[in-house]
Amino acid sequence: MRNRPLFFISFLFLLSTFEANGQEHAKNVQEYSPLKKRVYSFSKLDFITSEGEFNESICTMLIPDLKEDSPPFVAIYYKRDNSQWFTESLYRKRLRFNFKDGVLKLDQSNFWDWFEIAEIKIVVIY
């Protein structure tokens, strides 16, 4: 009975010598160290036409060095008058886009609330 503390100390010492490793997926991971970030800013004058319609030209972005085998991260930030910036993730809505040959095309459904928005920022990391 007197050896209990010694038993626990040796047990803890034995456990502390083991190295904890998570799962490694070396074959599934590619690191892209020279990442680039572009931020496109649009005011209400940019994304609403003179006829009061949504200007679809902001949905298409030319990014010549965008590669088809490396999908970009795209985030859209919105700002209403007298409000803070927010993203679609607040509404749990998926961002829809496609990209090919250096052209990133956003779906117009990403801008569902465009008539109430004052500013839009589109962030592309690739």
N, C-alpha and C. Protein backbone atom coordinates (compact mmCIF):
# COMPACT_ATOMS: atom_id res chain seq x y z
N MET A 1 0.80 -1.19 0.00
CA MET A 1 0.00 0.00 0.00
C MET A 1 0.85 1.26 0.00
N ARG A 2 2.02 1.19 0.55
CA ARG A 2 2.87 2.37 0.63
C ARG A 2 3.46 2.75 -0.72
N ASN A 3 3.47 1.86 -1.67
CA ASN A 3 4.07 2.12 -2.98
C ASN A 3 3.10 2.76 -3.96
N ARG A 4 1.91 3.09 -3.53
CA ARG A 4 0.92 3.69 -4.44
C ARG A 4 1.40 5.00 -5.06
N PRO A 5 1.89 5.96 -4.29
CA PRO A 5 2.37 7.20 -4.93
C PRO A 5 3.49 6.94 -5.92
N LEU A 6 4.38 6.03 -5.59
CA LEU A 6 5.46 5.70 -6.50
C LEU A 6 4.91 5.06 -7.78
N PHE A 7 3.88 4.24 -7.65
CA PHE A 7 3.24 3.61 -8.80
C PHE A 7 2.62 4.68 -9.72
N PHE A 8 1.89 5.61 -9.15
CA PHE A 8 1.24 6.66 -9.95
C PHE A 8 2.26 7.59 -10.60
N ILE A 9 3.32 7.91 -9.88
CA ILE A 9 4.36 8.78 -10.44
C ILE A 9 5.05 8.08 -11.61
N SER A 10 5.36 6.80 -11.44
CA SER A 10 6.02 6.08 -12.54
C SER A 10 5.06 5.89 -13.72
N PHE A 11 3.77 5.71 -13.43
CA PHE A 11 2.77 5.59 -14.50
C PHE A 11 2.65 6.90 -15.28
N LEU A 12 2.60 8.03 -14.58
CA LEU A 12 2.53 9.34 -15.24
C LEU A 12 3.80 9.62 -16.04
N PHE A 13 4.94 9.22 -15.51
CA PHE A 13 6.19 9.40 -16.23
C PHE A 13 6.19 8.58 -17.52
N LEU A 14 5.69 7.37 -17.42
CA LEU A 14 5.62 6.50 -18.59
C LEU A 14 4.68 7.09 -19.66
N LEU A 15 3.54 7.62 -19.23
CA LEU A 15 2.60 8.24 -20.17
C LEU A 15 3.18 9.49 -20.82
N SER A 16 3.95 10.26 -20.07
CA SER A 16 4.49 11.51 -20.61
C SER A 16 5.58 11.27 -21.64
N THR A 17 6.14 10.08 -21.67
CA THR A 17 7.20 9.81 -22.66
C THR A 17 6.64 9.43 -24.02
N PHE A 18 5.36 9.07 -24.08
CA PHE A 18 4.76 8.73 -25.37
C PHE A 18 4.49 10.00 -26.17
N GLU A 19 4.70 9.90 -27.45
CA GLU A 19 4.45 11.04 -28.33
C GLU A 19 3.06 10.89 -28.94
N ALA A 20 2.27 11.92 -28.79
CA ALA A 20 0.91 11.89 -29.35
C ALA A 20 0.94 12.43 -30.77
N ASN A 21 0.50 11.62 -31.70
CA ASN A 21 0.45 12.03 -33.10
C ASN A 21 -0.97 11.92 -33.61
N GLY A 22 -1.36 12.92 -34.38
CA GLY A 22 -2.66 12.84 -35.05
C GLY A 22 -2.50 12.07 -36.34
N GLN A 23 -3.56 11.93 -37.04
CA GLN A 23 -3.49 11.25 -38.33
C GLN A 23 -2.75 12.12 -39.32
N GLU A 24 -1.90 11.49 -40.09
CA GLU A 24 -1.14 12.23 -41.09
C GLU A 24 -1.67 11.85 -42.47
N HIS A 25 -1.94 12.86 -43.25
CA HIS A 25 -2.43 12.65 -44.61
C HIS A 25 -1.48 13.32 -45.59
N ALA A 26 -0.24 12.93 -45.53
CA ALA A 26 0.79 13.58 -46.34
C ALA A 26 0.48 13.49 -47.83
N LYS A 27 -0.09 12.41 -48.28
CA LYS A 27 -0.35 12.28 -49.71
C LYS A 27 -1.54 13.13 -50.17
N ASN A 28 -2.39 13.56 -49.24
CA ASN A 28 -3.57 14.33 -49.60
C ASN A 28 -3.39 15.84 -49.43
N VAL A 29 -2.25 16.27 -48.95
CA VAL A 29 -2.05 17.68 -48.63
C VAL A 29 -1.09 18.31 -49.62
N GLN A 30 -1.46 19.48 -50.10
CA GLN A 30 -0.55 20.28 -50.91
C GLN A 30 -0.49 21.66 -50.27
N GLU A 31 0.70 22.16 -50.07
CA GLU A 31 0.86 23.49 -49.50
C GLU A 31 1.16 24.48 -50.61
N TYR A 32 0.48 25.60 -50.55
CA TYR A 32 0.68 26.66 -51.53
C TYR A 32 1.22 27.86 -50.77
N SER A 33 2.53 27.99 -50.75
CA SER A 33 3.12 29.07 -49.94
C SER A 33 2.96 30.45 -50.57
N PRO A 34 3.06 30.61 -51.87
CA PRO A 34 2.91 31.97 -52.41
C PRO A 34 1.44 32.32 -52.67
N LEU A 35 0.62 32.31 -51.63
CA LEU A 35 -0.79 32.66 -51.83
C LEU A 35 -0.94 34.13 -52.16
N LYS A 36 -1.94 34.42 -52.95
CA LYS A 36 -2.24 35.80 -53.32
C LYS A 36 -3.65 36.13 -52.86
N LYS A 37 -3.84 37.40 -52.55
CA LYS A 37 -5.16 37.85 -52.09
C LYS A 37 -5.55 39.08 -52.88
N ARG A 38 -6.77 39.05 -53.40
CA ARG A 38 -7.32 40.20 -54.10
C ARG A 38 -8.61 40.61 -53.41
N VAL A 39 -8.80 41.91 -53.26
CA VAL A 39 -10.02 42.43 -52.66
C VAL A 39 -10.65 43.39 -53.67
N TYR A 40 -11.86 43.07 -54.08
CA TYR A 40 -12.61 43.91 -55.01
C TYR A 40 -13.65 44.67 -54.20
N SER A 41 -13.66 45.99 -54.32
CA SER A 41 -14.60 46.82 -53.57
C SER A 41 -15.58 47.48 -54.54
N PHE A 42 -16.85 47.40 -54.20
CA PHE A 42 -17.89 47.98 -55.04
C PHE A 42 -18.83 48.80 -54.17
N SER A 43 -19.12 50.00 -54.63
CA SER A 43 -20.13 50.83 -53.95
C SER A 43 -21.47 50.61 -54.63
N LYS A 44 -22.49 51.22 -54.10
CA LYS A 44 -23.83 51.07 -54.67
C LYS A 44 -23.87 51.55 -56.12
N LEU A 45 -23.05 52.55 -56.45
CA LEU A 45 -23.00 53.05 -57.82
C LEU A 45 -22.43 52.02 -58.79
N ASP A 46 -21.58 51.12 -58.27
CA ASP A 46 -20.96 50.10 -59.11
C ASP A 46 -21.89 48.93 -59.40
N PHE A 47 -22.66 48.49 -58.42
CA PHE A 47 -23.43 47.27 -58.64
C PHE A 47 -24.91 47.50 -58.91
N ILE A 48 -25.32 48.75 -59.06
CA ILE A 48 -26.69 49.04 -59.50
C ILE A 48 -26.60 49.89 -60.76
N THR A 49 -27.27 49.46 -61.82
CA THR A 49 -27.23 50.18 -63.09
C THR A 49 -28.10 51.43 -63.02
N SER A 50 -28.00 52.26 -64.05
CA SER A 50 -28.81 53.48 -64.09
C SER A 50 -30.31 53.16 -64.20
N GLU A 51 -30.62 51.94 -64.67
CA GLU A 51 -32.02 51.52 -64.76
C GLU A 51 -32.53 50.95 -63.43
N GLY A 52 -31.65 50.87 -62.43
CA GLY A 52 -32.05 50.33 -61.13
C GLY A 52 -31.96 48.82 -61.03
N GLU A 53 -31.28 48.19 -61.98
CA GLU A 53 -31.12 46.74 -61.98
C GLU A 53 -29.74 46.38 -61.43
N PHE A 54 -29.58 45.11 -61.10
CA PHE A 54 -28.29 44.63 -60.61
C PHE A 54 -27.29 44.56 -61.77
N ASN A 55 -26.10 45.09 -61.57
CA ASN A 55 -25.06 45.10 -62.59
C ASN A 55 -24.29 43.78 -62.52
N GLU A 56 -24.56 42.88 -63.43
CA GLU A 56 -23.94 41.56 -63.40
C GLU A 56 -22.46 41.56 -63.74
N SER A 57 -21.94 42.68 -64.20
CA SER A 57 -20.51 42.72 -64.55
C SER A 57 -19.62 42.55 -63.33
N ILE A 58 -20.13 42.83 -62.12
CA ILE A 58 -19.29 42.63 -60.94
C ILE A 58 -19.18 41.15 -60.59
N CYS A 59 -19.96 40.31 -61.24
CA CYS A 59 -19.91 38.87 -60.97
C CYS A 59 -18.75 38.18 -61.68
N THR A 60 -18.14 38.83 -62.65
CA THR A 60 -17.07 38.23 -63.42
C THR A 60 -15.77 38.96 -63.14
N MET A 61 -14.76 38.20 -62.70
CA MET A 61 -13.45 38.77 -62.40
C MET A 61 -12.38 38.05 -63.20
N LEU A 62 -11.55 38.81 -63.84
CA LEU A 62 -10.44 38.25 -64.61
C LEU A 62 -9.22 38.17 -63.69
N ILE A 63 -8.76 36.95 -63.45
CA ILE A 63 -7.57 36.71 -62.62
C ILE A 63 -6.67 35.79 -63.44
N PRO A 64 -5.75 36.36 -64.22
CA PRO A 64 -4.96 35.55 -65.17
C PRO A 64 -4.18 34.40 -64.53
N ASP A 65 -3.65 34.59 -63.32
CA ASP A 65 -2.84 33.53 -62.71
C ASP A 65 -3.64 32.57 -61.83
N LEU A 66 -4.96 32.58 -61.96
CA LEU A 66 -5.81 31.63 -61.25
C LEU A 66 -5.74 30.29 -61.96
N LYS A 67 -5.35 29.26 -61.22
CA LYS A 67 -5.17 27.94 -61.83
C LYS A 67 -6.38 27.06 -61.54
N GLU A 68 -6.73 26.26 -62.53
CA GLU A 68 -7.91 25.40 -62.42
C GLU A 68 -7.72 24.29 -61.40
N ASP A 69 -6.48 23.85 -61.16
CA ASP A 69 -6.25 22.77 -60.21
C ASP A 69 -6.10 23.26 -58.77
N SER A 70 -6.20 24.55 -58.56
CA SER A 70 -6.09 25.12 -57.22
C SER A 70 -7.30 26.02 -56.97
N PRO A 71 -8.37 25.48 -56.40
CA PRO A 71 -9.59 26.28 -56.22
C PRO A 71 -9.37 27.45 -55.27
N PRO A 72 -9.92 28.59 -55.60
CA PRO A 72 -9.74 29.77 -54.75
C PRO A 72 -10.69 29.75 -53.56
N PHE A 73 -10.31 30.52 -52.54
CA PHE A 73 -11.21 30.79 -51.43
C PHE A 73 -11.87 32.12 -51.75
N VAL A 74 -13.19 32.15 -51.75
CA VAL A 74 -13.92 33.38 -52.08
C VAL A 74 -14.84 33.72 -50.92
N ALA A 75 -14.79 34.96 -50.50
CA ALA A 75 -15.69 35.45 -49.45
C ALA A 75 -16.28 36.77 -49.91
N ILE A 76 -17.55 36.96 -49.62
CA ILE A 76 -18.22 38.22 -49.98
C ILE A 76 -18.66 38.89 -48.69
N TYR A 77 -18.26 40.14 -48.54
CA TYR A 77 -18.65 40.94 -47.37
C TYR A 77 -19.61 42.02 -47.83
N TYR A 78 -20.64 42.24 -47.05
CA TYR A 78 -21.68 43.21 -47.37
C TYR A 78 -21.74 44.25 -46.25
N LYS A 79 -22.17 45.44 -46.62
CA LYS A 79 -22.37 46.49 -45.61
C LYS A 79 -23.62 47.27 -45.98
N ARG A 80 -24.53 47.34 -45.03
CA ARG A 80 -25.72 48.17 -45.21
C ARG A 80 -25.42 49.57 -44.68
N ASP A 81 -26.29 50.52 -45.00
CA ASP A 81 -26.13 51.87 -44.45
C ASP A 81 -26.22 51.81 -42.93
N ASN A 82 -25.32 52.53 -42.27
CA ASN A 82 -25.27 52.59 -40.80
C ASN A 82 -25.19 51.20 -40.17
N SER A 83 -24.38 50.33 -40.74
CA SER A 83 -24.25 48.97 -40.25
C SER A 83 -22.79 48.54 -40.31
N GLN A 84 -22.49 47.39 -39.72
CA GLN A 84 -21.15 46.83 -39.80
C GLN A 84 -21.10 45.82 -40.94
N TRP A 85 -19.88 45.42 -41.30
CA TRP A 85 -19.71 44.43 -42.37
C TRP A 85 -20.22 43.08 -41.90
N PHE A 86 -20.81 42.31 -42.81
CA PHE A 86 -21.24 40.96 -42.50
C PHE A 86 -21.04 40.08 -43.72
N THR A 87 -21.06 38.76 -43.51
CA THR A 87 -20.87 37.81 -44.61
C THR A 87 -22.08 36.91 -44.73
N GLU A 88 -22.09 36.13 -45.79
CA GLU A 88 -23.19 35.18 -46.00
C GLU A 88 -23.19 34.09 -44.95
N SER A 89 -22.03 33.83 -44.34
CA SER A 89 -21.99 32.74 -43.36
C SER A 89 -22.93 33.00 -42.19
N LEU A 90 -23.28 34.26 -41.98
CA LEU A 90 -24.24 34.56 -40.92
C LEU A 90 -25.60 33.95 -41.23
N TYR A 91 -25.88 33.77 -42.50
CA TYR A 91 -27.16 33.20 -42.92
C TYR A 91 -27.03 31.74 -43.35
N ARG A 92 -25.83 31.18 -43.19
CA ARG A 92 -25.54 29.80 -43.56
C ARG A 92 -25.89 29.51 -45.03
N LYS A 93 -25.59 30.44 -45.86
CA LYS A 93 -25.86 30.29 -47.29
C LYS A 93 -24.55 29.94 -48.00
N ARG A 94 -24.60 29.04 -48.94
CA ARG A 94 -23.40 28.67 -49.68
C ARG A 94 -23.09 29.70 -50.74
N LEU A 95 -21.82 29.96 -50.89
CA LEU A 95 -21.35 30.87 -51.94
C LEU A 95 -21.22 30.06 -53.22
N ARG A 96 -21.82 30.54 -54.29
CA ARG A 96 -21.80 29.81 -55.56
C ARG A 96 -20.92 30.55 -56.56
N PHE A 97 -19.97 29.80 -57.12
CA PHE A 97 -19.09 30.37 -58.14
C PHE A 97 -18.47 29.25 -58.95
N ASN A 98 -17.92 29.61 -60.11
CA ASN A 98 -17.11 28.68 -60.88
C ASN A 98 -15.93 29.44 -61.45
N PHE A 99 -14.90 28.71 -61.79
CA PHE A 99 -13.69 29.34 -62.31
C PHE A 99 -13.06 28.45 -63.37
N LYS A 100 -12.54 29.12 -64.40
CA LYS A 100 -11.90 28.39 -65.49
C LYS A 100 -11.10 29.39 -66.32
N ASP A 101 -9.91 28.99 -66.71
CA ASP A 101 -9.06 29.78 -67.60
C ASP A 101 -8.86 31.21 -67.11
N GLY A 102 -8.63 31.38 -65.82
CA GLY A 102 -8.35 32.70 -65.28
C GLY A 102 -9.56 33.60 -65.10
N VAL A 103 -10.76 33.04 -65.21
CA VAL A 103 -11.98 33.83 -65.03
C VAL A 103 -12.77 33.24 -63.86
N LEU A 104 -13.07 34.08 -62.89
CA LEU A 104 -13.89 33.69 -61.75
C LEU A 104 -15.28 34.27 -61.96
N LYS A 105 -16.27 33.42 -61.99
CA LYS A 105 -17.65 33.85 -62.24
C LYS A 105 -18.50 33.54 -61.01
N LEU A 106 -18.99 34.60 -60.36
CA LEU A 106 -19.86 34.45 -59.21
C LEU A 106 -21.31 34.37 -59.67
N ASP A 107 -22.09 33.57 -59.01
CA ASP A 107 -23.51 33.46 -59.33
C ASP A 107 -24.24 34.67 -58.77
N GLN A 108 -25.19 35.19 -59.51
CA GLN A 108 -25.93 36.37 -59.07
C GLN A 108 -26.72 36.09 -57.79
N SER A 109 -27.04 34.84 -57.52
CA SER A 109 -27.80 34.51 -56.31
C SER A 109 -27.01 34.82 -55.04
N ASN A 110 -25.69 35.03 -55.16
CA ASN A 110 -24.89 35.43 -54.00
C ASN A 110 -25.25 36.84 -53.54
N PHE A 111 -25.87 37.59 -54.40
CA PHE A 111 -26.21 38.98 -54.10
C PHE A 111 -27.72 39.14 -53.96
N TRP A 112 -28.34 38.26 -53.22
CA TRP A 112 -29.79 38.21 -53.09
C TRP A 112 -30.38 39.47 -52.47
N ASP A 113 -29.61 40.18 -51.67
CA ASP A 113 -30.12 41.34 -50.92
C ASP A 113 -29.49 42.63 -51.45
N TRP A 114 -29.15 42.66 -52.74
CA TRP A 114 -28.35 43.75 -53.28
C TRP A 114 -29.02 45.11 -53.19
N PHE A 115 -30.33 45.18 -53.21
CA PHE A 115 -31.03 46.47 -53.20
C PHE A 115 -30.96 47.15 -51.83
N GLU A 116 -30.60 46.40 -50.77
CA GLU A 116 -30.46 46.99 -49.44
C GLU A 116 -29.01 47.20 -49.04
N ILE A 117 -28.08 46.85 -49.89
CA ILE A 117 -26.66 46.89 -49.57
C ILE A 117 -26.05 48.21 -50.03
N ALA A 118 -25.13 48.76 -49.22
CA ALA A 118 -24.44 49.99 -49.57
C ALA A 118 -23.08 49.72 -50.20
N GLU A 119 -22.38 48.69 -49.71
CA GLU A 119 -21.05 48.34 -50.22
C GLU A 119 -20.90 46.83 -50.27
N ILE A 120 -20.07 46.38 -51.19
CA ILE A 120 -19.74 44.96 -51.31
C ILE A 120 -18.23 44.84 -51.46
N LYS A 121 -17.63 43.90 -50.73
CA LYS A 121 -16.22 43.56 -50.91
C LYS A 121 -16.15 42.07 -51.22
N ILE A 122 -15.43 41.74 -52.27
CA ILE A 122 -15.23 40.35 -52.65
C ILE A 122 -13.75 40.03 -52.44
N VAL A 123 -13.48 39.05 -51.59
CA VAL A 123 -12.10 38.66 -51.28
C VAL A 123 -11.83 37.33 -51.95
N VAL A 124 -10.74 37.28 -52.72
CA VAL A 124 -10.34 36.05 -53.41
C VAL A 124 -8.92 35.72 -52.98
N ILE A 125 -8.74 34.55 -52.40
CA ILE A 125 -7.40 34.07 -52.02
C ILE A 125 -7.13 32.84 -52.87
N TYR A 126 -6.01 32.85 -53.58
CA TYR A 126 -5.69 31.74 -54.48
C TYR A 126 -4.20 31.47 -54.48
